[in-house]
Amino acid sequence: MEIGNLTSGVATEGVVLIKDAQLKTTRTGNPFLALRFADRTGEISGNLWDATENQVAQFKAGVVVELAGQVETYQDQLQFRIQELRLASPEEGQPEDFVPRVAETDGELKDDLRPFLAAIHQVEWATIVNHLFKKYGAPFFNFPAAKVNHHALVGGLAFHTLSILRLAKNVCDQYPGINRELLYAGALLHDMGKVIELSGPVATQYTTTGNLLGHISIVDGEIVACCQEVGLLPTNPQVVLLRHVILAHHGLREYGSPVEPELMEAEVLHRLDELDAAITEINGALEQTAPGEFSPRQFALGRRQFYRLPTGQDTKKA
């Protein structure tokens, strides 16, 4: 079974990873497990009705299971009607076997990021960026950029960051009034707090710290700690500029930004972050959509559907 190739009405079985498991109750008070299954080709949700205490204890996020049942459509989304569920043996698969990763290797991502790191010459910004990459470089190249939605892949955090930097380079080439070094520094660090906010690439969950603080506040705290370690003042004017770019990158307070952009570089980073995330979401939806058809509704994009151009106009492979 390959989840990404499933269609409604098909009965199937196979070994998959439980990516998420939530214990819930029906309107009548009966317990059930709301599960999300994953492999390297995609994800699908399914409910285990009338879950027993033993099943709740067994079927947790990060566990590999043998799944059997039928694929159905509910509210424009595919879901799995579970008929049988059991724990898989170690020989049938390990959790990391079912986690997709970006196409680029760690080495390729690092090689492509180096020129952007090297382009930052302003002393305070370069000091902070290099210090935090030495501290969190290993998880940075391994972690996803999100629990779900865009770049929820092994290496997704580094790839998302690199995508923004590539966009930033072109924007700076087009608009020379933008401070390239400040934008690059902000882009490199804007999501680094996710290595603390998230649990890792397998069955990604939000950590307690992540739930209580969020990645924006986390990385700002890391910048302050870095300043203390390297002898900078967190209120140094150059440090404050970098902190603002990062603190404002979600754009609006209702979207999680402690402050709203009041620097050109902060506004540009916010727009590029949104653009890369949106394009990735839409591409993912269109890859599961036949030419000339509409995608399922995308909840992360206002529940909109997206139309895939007919064959001949579509640049994607059918």
Protein backbone atom coordinates (compact mmCIF):
# COMPACT_ATOMS: atom_id res chain seq x y z
CA MET A 1 0.00 0.00 0.00
CA GLU A 2 1.21 3.49 -0.91
CA ILE A 3 -0.94 6.10 0.80
CA GLY A 4 -0.24 8.73 -1.84
CA ASN A 5 -1.75 6.51 -4.54
CA LEU A 6 -4.95 5.51 -2.71
CA THR A 7 -8.33 6.29 -4.24
CA SER A 8 -11.82 6.28 -2.79
CA GLY A 9 -13.61 2.94 -2.74
CA VAL A 10 -10.46 0.81 -2.65
CA ALA A 11 -9.99 -1.93 -0.04
CA THR A 12 -6.34 -2.31 0.93
CA GLU A 13 -3.88 -3.22 3.65
CA GLY A 14 -0.26 -2.50 4.44
CA VAL A 15 2.33 -1.39 6.97
CA VAL A 16 2.27 2.30 7.89
CA LEU A 17 3.35 4.71 10.61
CA ILE A 18 0.95 6.29 13.08
CA LYS A 19 1.88 9.94 12.72
CA ASP A 20 -0.68 11.26 15.20
CA ALA A 21 -3.10 9.72 17.70
CA GLN A 22 -5.75 11.63 19.64
CA LEU A 23 -8.14 10.06 22.15
CA LYS A 24 -11.61 11.53 21.70
CA THR A 25 -15.20 10.71 22.61
CA THR A 26 -18.35 10.49 20.51
CA ARG A 27 -21.48 12.49 21.32
CA THR A 28 -22.70 9.49 23.27
CA GLY A 29 -19.50 9.38 25.32
CA ASN A 30 -17.82 6.38 23.67
CA PRO A 31 -14.03 6.63 23.31
CA PHE A 32 -12.33 6.49 19.91
CA LEU A 33 -8.88 7.14 18.53
CA ALA A 34 -8.51 9.75 15.81
CA LEU A 35 -5.45 8.48 13.94
CA ARG A 36 -3.32 9.82 11.13
CA PHE A 37 -1.31 7.29 9.15
CA ALA A 38 1.72 8.06 7.00
CA ASP A 39 4.32 6.59 4.72
CA ARG A 40 6.81 8.20 2.37
CA THR A 41 4.12 8.82 -0.25
CA GLY A 42 1.47 10.59 1.83
CA GLU A 43 -0.88 10.67 4.80
CA ILE A 44 -4.47 9.64 5.55
CA SER A 45 -6.68 9.85 8.62
CA GLY A 46 -8.90 7.17 10.14
CA ASN A 47 -10.90 6.61 13.32
CA LEU A 48 -10.66 3.55 15.53
CA TRP A 49 -14.12 3.38 17.07
CA ASP A 50 -14.83 2.03 20.55
CA ALA A 51 -11.13 1.99 21.38
CA THR A 52 -10.18 -0.12 24.37
CA GLU A 53 -7.67 0.93 27.02
CA ASN A 54 -5.20 -1.54 25.57
CA GLN A 55 -5.60 -0.08 22.08
CA VAL A 56 -5.17 3.46 23.39
CA ALA A 57 -1.94 2.36 25.10
CA GLN A 58 -0.64 0.55 21.99
CA PHE A 59 -1.55 2.81 19.10
CA LYS A 60 0.43 5.98 19.77
CA ALA A 61 2.24 8.43 17.51
CA GLY A 62 5.50 6.97 16.24
CA VAL A 63 4.30 3.34 16.23
CA VAL A 64 4.41 1.17 13.09
CA VAL A 65 1.21 -0.82 12.44
CA GLU A 66 -0.39 -3.20 9.97
CA LEU A 67 -3.53 -1.47 8.69
CA ALA A 68 -6.44 -2.99 6.75
CA GLY A 69 -9.69 -1.44 5.60
CA GLN A 70 -11.30 0.68 2.92
CA VAL A 71 -10.62 4.15 1.58
CA GLU A 72 -13.58 6.56 1.64
CA THR A 73 -14.22 10.24 0.95
CA TYR A 74 -15.44 12.53 3.72
CA GLN A 75 -15.75 16.32 3.34
CA ASP A 76 -13.66 16.24 0.15
CA GLN A 77 -10.83 14.40 1.92
CA LEU A 78 -9.81 10.75 1.70
CA GLN A 79 -10.05 8.83 4.96
CA PHE A 80 -9.51 5.22 6.01
CA ARG A 81 -12.31 3.07 7.40
CA ILE A 82 -10.34 0.78 9.70
CA GLN A 83 -11.29 -2.88 9.70
CA GLU A 84 -8.14 -4.29 11.30
CA LEU A 85 -5.23 -2.70 13.11
CA ARG A 86 -2.29 -4.42 14.81
CA LEU A 87 1.24 -3.59 15.89
CA ALA A 88 3.86 -4.40 13.26
CA SER A 89 6.99 -6.38 14.06
CA PRO A 90 10.44 -4.73 13.89
CA GLU A 91 11.12 -6.75 10.74
CA GLU A 92 8.09 -5.19 9.02
CA GLY A 93 9.45 -1.70 9.43
CA GLN A 94 11.03 0.96 11.63
CA PRO A 95 9.45 4.42 12.12
CA GLU A 96 12.13 6.20 10.08
CA ASP A 97 11.31 3.95 7.10
CA PHE A 98 7.99 5.74 6.67
CA VAL A 99 9.09 9.37 6.96
CA PRO A 100 9.50 11.26 3.66
CA ARG A 101 12.43 13.60 3.20
CA VAL A 102 13.26 16.39 0.82
CA ALA A 103 15.01 15.42 -2.40
CA GLU A 104 18.26 17.16 -1.47
CA THR A 105 20.80 15.44 0.74
CA ASP A 106 22.19 17.06 3.88
CA GLY A 107 25.39 17.78 2.00
CA GLU A 108 23.57 19.51 -0.84
CA LEU A 109 21.52 21.63 1.54
CA LYS A 110 24.63 22.67 3.47
CA ASP A 111 26.55 23.50 0.29
CA ASP A 112 23.70 25.67 -0.98
CA LEU A 113 23.31 27.51 2.34
CA ARG A 114 27.00 28.36 2.73
CA PRO A 115 27.05 31.30 0.26
CA PHE A 116 24.22 32.99 2.15
CA LEU A 117 26.02 32.55 5.48
CA ALA A 118 29.22 33.90 3.93
CA ALA A 119 27.39 36.93 2.52
CA ILE A 120 26.67 38.31 6.02
CA HIS A 121 29.56 40.58 6.97
CA GLN A 122 27.89 42.85 9.53
CA VAL A 123 29.63 41.80 12.75
CA GLU A 124 26.68 41.38 15.14
CA TRP A 125 24.48 39.57 12.63
CA ALA A 126 27.26 37.26 11.45
CA THR A 127 28.24 36.46 15.05
CA ILE A 128 24.70 35.53 16.06
CA VAL A 129 23.91 33.52 12.92
CA ASN A 130 27.15 31.52 13.07
CA HIS A 131 26.83 30.92 16.81
CA LEU A 132 23.29 29.53 16.50
CA PHE A 133 24.16 27.38 13.51
CA LYS A 134 27.03 25.83 15.46
CA LYS A 135 24.64 25.20 18.35
CA TYR A 136 21.65 23.85 16.41
CA GLY A 137 23.07 22.90 13.02
CA ALA A 138 22.54 19.15 13.41
CA PRO A 139 18.79 19.22 14.11
CA PHE A 140 18.32 22.14 11.71
CA PHE A 141 19.18 19.92 8.74
CA ASN A 142 17.08 17.02 10.04
CA PHE A 143 13.88 18.63 11.32
CA PRO A 144 10.68 19.33 9.40
CA ALA A 145 9.42 22.89 9.06
CA ALA A 146 6.00 21.96 10.49
CA LYS A 147 4.01 19.19 12.12
CA VAL A 148 1.66 19.19 9.13
CA ASN A 149 1.19 21.37 6.05
CA HIS A 150 4.20 22.82 4.28
CA HIS A 151 7.64 21.14 4.37
CA ALA A 152 6.58 18.50 6.91
CA LEU A 153 9.51 16.35 5.78
CA VAL A 154 12.91 15.27 7.04
CA GLY A 155 15.11 18.20 6.04
CA GLY A 156 12.06 20.39 5.47
CA LEU A 157 13.26 23.12 7.82
CA ALA A 158 16.55 23.58 5.98
CA PHE A 159 14.87 23.32 2.57
CA HIS A 160 12.20 25.90 3.48
CA THR A 161 14.92 28.24 4.74
CA LEU A 162 16.95 27.76 1.57
CA SER A 163 13.88 28.39 -0.60
CA ILE A 164 13.28 31.71 1.17
CA LEU A 165 16.93 32.68 0.78
CA ARG A 166 16.82 31.98 -2.96
CA LEU A 167 13.71 34.15 -3.25
CA ALA A 168 15.38 36.81 -1.11
CA LYS A 169 18.40 36.92 -3.42
CA ASN A 170 16.20 37.63 -6.41
CA VAL A 171 14.17 40.24 -4.55
CA CYS A 172 17.35 42.01 -3.43
CA ASP A 173 18.66 41.95 -7.00
CA GLN A 174 15.41 43.55 -8.16
CA TYR A 175 15.18 46.09 -5.31
CA PRO A 176 18.67 47.31 -4.31
CA GLY A 177 17.30 49.40 -1.40
CA ILE A 178 16.80 46.26 0.69
CA ASN A 179 19.55 45.43 3.18
CA ARG A 180 20.58 42.04 1.81
CA GLU A 181 22.61 41.00 4.86
CA LEU A 182 19.82 41.75 7.32
CA LEU A 183 17.28 39.89 5.18
CA TYR A 184 19.58 36.89 4.82
CA ALA A 185 20.30 36.80 8.56
CA GLY A 186 16.59 36.99 9.38
CA ALA A 187 15.74 34.27 6.86
CA LEU A 188 18.44 31.94 8.20
CA LEU A 189 17.18 32.21 11.77
CA HIS A 190 13.44 32.89 11.42
CA ASP A 191 12.34 29.28 11.94
CA MET A 192 15.30 27.91 13.89
CA GLY A 193 13.17 27.87 17.03
CA LYS A 194 11.34 24.90 15.51
CA VAL A 195 14.19 22.59 16.56
CA ILE A 196 12.88 23.23 20.09
CA GLU A 197 9.21 23.78 19.28
CA LEU A 198 8.87 20.39 17.53
CA SER A 199 9.81 16.90 18.69
CA GLY A 200 11.64 15.80 15.53
CA PRO A 201 10.96 14.34 12.09
CA VAL A 202 9.26 11.07 13.15
CA ALA A 203 5.59 11.44 14.24
CA THR A 204 6.20 15.15 14.79
CA GLN A 205 4.51 16.66 17.83
CA TYR A 206 4.69 20.02 19.56
CA THR A 207 6.84 19.94 22.67
CA THR A 208 5.67 21.45 25.93
CA THR A 209 8.06 24.36 25.36
CA GLY A 210 6.78 24.71 21.80
CA ASN A 211 3.15 24.84 22.92
CA LEU A 212 3.85 27.34 25.69
CA LEU A 213 6.24 29.67 23.85
CA GLY A 214 6.12 29.08 20.08
CA HIS A 215 9.10 29.11 17.73
CA ILE A 216 9.23 32.89 17.29
CA SER A 217 9.62 33.59 21.00
CA ILE A 218 11.98 30.62 21.33
CA VAL A 219 14.46 31.85 18.71
CA ASP A 220 14.36 35.39 20.13
CA GLY A 221 15.29 33.90 23.50
CA GLU A 222 18.12 32.01 21.82
CA ILE A 223 19.40 35.25 20.31
CA VAL A 224 19.37 36.90 23.74
CA ALA A 225 21.22 33.92 25.23
CA CYS A 226 23.72 34.05 22.37
CA CYS A 227 24.38 37.73 23.08
CA GLN A 228 25.14 36.91 26.70
CA GLU A 229 27.52 34.16 25.64
CA VAL A 230 29.46 36.22 23.08
CA GLY A 231 29.49 39.55 24.91
CA LEU A 232 26.85 41.48 22.99
CA LEU A 233 24.00 43.49 24.46
CA PRO A 234 20.55 42.25 23.39
CA THR A 235 19.65 45.94 23.05
CA ASN A 236 22.56 46.65 20.72
CA PRO A 237 20.93 48.57 17.80
CA GLN A 238 22.07 46.01 15.22
CA VAL A 239 20.84 43.12 17.35
CA VAL A 240 17.49 44.84 17.80
CA LEU A 241 17.10 45.14 14.01
CA LEU A 242 17.69 41.41 13.57
CA ARG A 243 15.37 40.53 16.43
CA HIS A 244 12.61 42.68 14.91
CA VAL A 245 12.91 41.00 11.51
CA ILE A 246 12.45 37.60 13.16
CA LEU A 247 9.78 38.62 15.67
CA ALA A 248 7.65 40.14 12.89
CA HIS A 249 7.90 37.38 10.30
CA HIS A 250 4.33 36.10 10.76
CA GLY A 251 3.11 39.54 9.76
CA LEU A 252 0.18 40.14 12.09
CA ARG A 253 -0.27 39.66 15.81
CA GLU A 254 -3.28 37.41 15.24
CA TYR A 255 -1.00 35.13 13.19
CA GLY A 256 1.51 34.81 16.02
CA SER A 257 3.88 37.74 15.52
CA PRO A 258 4.70 39.54 18.78
CA VAL A 259 5.18 42.67 16.66
CA GLU A 260 4.18 43.63 13.12
CA PRO A 261 6.78 44.48 10.44
CA GLU A 262 8.16 48.00 10.65
CA LEU A 263 11.30 47.40 8.61
CA MET A 264 11.41 46.77 4.88
CA GLU A 265 13.40 43.58 5.51
CA ALA A 266 10.84 42.34 8.04
CA GLU A 267 7.98 42.87 5.59
CA VAL A 268 9.88 41.14 2.78
CA LEU A 269 10.73 38.13 4.96
CA HIS A 270 7.08 37.83 6.00
CA ARG A 271 5.90 37.92 2.37
CA LEU A 272 8.51 35.41 1.18
CA ASP A 273 7.74 33.05 4.07
CA GLU A 274 4.04 33.10 3.14
CA LEU A 275 4.80 32.70 -0.57
CA ASP A 276 7.03 29.67 -0.14
CA ALA A 277 4.60 27.98 2.23
CA ALA A 278 1.60 28.64 -0.06
CA ILE A 279 3.31 27.40 -3.22
CA THR A 280 4.45 24.25 -1.44
CA GLU A 281 0.92 23.60 -0.15
CA ILE A 282 -0.63 24.12 -3.58
CA ASN A 283 1.97 21.99 -5.34
CA GLY A 284 1.31 19.17 -2.89
CA ALA A 285 -2.42 19.38 -3.55
CA LEU A 286 -2.02 19.49 -7.34
CA GLU A 287 0.28 16.46 -7.31
CA GLN A 288 -2.71 14.48 -6.01
CA THR A 289 -5.10 16.02 -8.56
CA ALA A 290 -5.82 14.91 -12.11
CA PRO A 291 -5.34 17.47 -14.92
CA GLY A 292 -8.53 19.44 -15.51
CA GLU A 293 -9.82 18.76 -11.98
CA PHE A 294 -9.97 20.67 -8.69
CA SER A 295 -7.93 19.63 -5.67
CA PRO A 296 -9.52 18.81 -2.32
CA ARG A 297 -10.09 21.86 -0.16
CA GLN A 298 -6.93 23.09 1.51
CA PHE A 299 -7.67 24.02 5.09
CA ALA A 300 -4.37 25.87 5.51
CA LEU A 301 -5.35 28.14 2.60
CA GLY A 302 -8.84 29.17 3.63
CA ARG A 303 -10.45 25.88 2.50
CA ARG A 304 -9.94 26.85 -1.14
CA GLN A 305 -9.74 24.34 -3.96
CA PHE A 306 -7.08 24.66 -6.65
CA TYR A 307 -7.52 23.83 -10.31
CA ARG A 308 -4.86 21.84 -12.11
CA LEU A 309 -4.39 22.97 -15.68
CA PRO A 310 -5.37 20.44 -18.36
CA THR A 311 -2.72 18.26 -20.00
CA GLY A 312 -0.67 20.33 -22.40
CA GLN A 313 -0.96 23.48 -20.27
CA ASP A 314 0.17 21.81 -17.06
CA THR A 315 3.94 21.78 -16.57
CA LYS A 316 3.62 18.95 -14.03
CA LYS A 317 3.88 15.34 -15.07
CA ALA A 318 0.54 13.57 -15.07
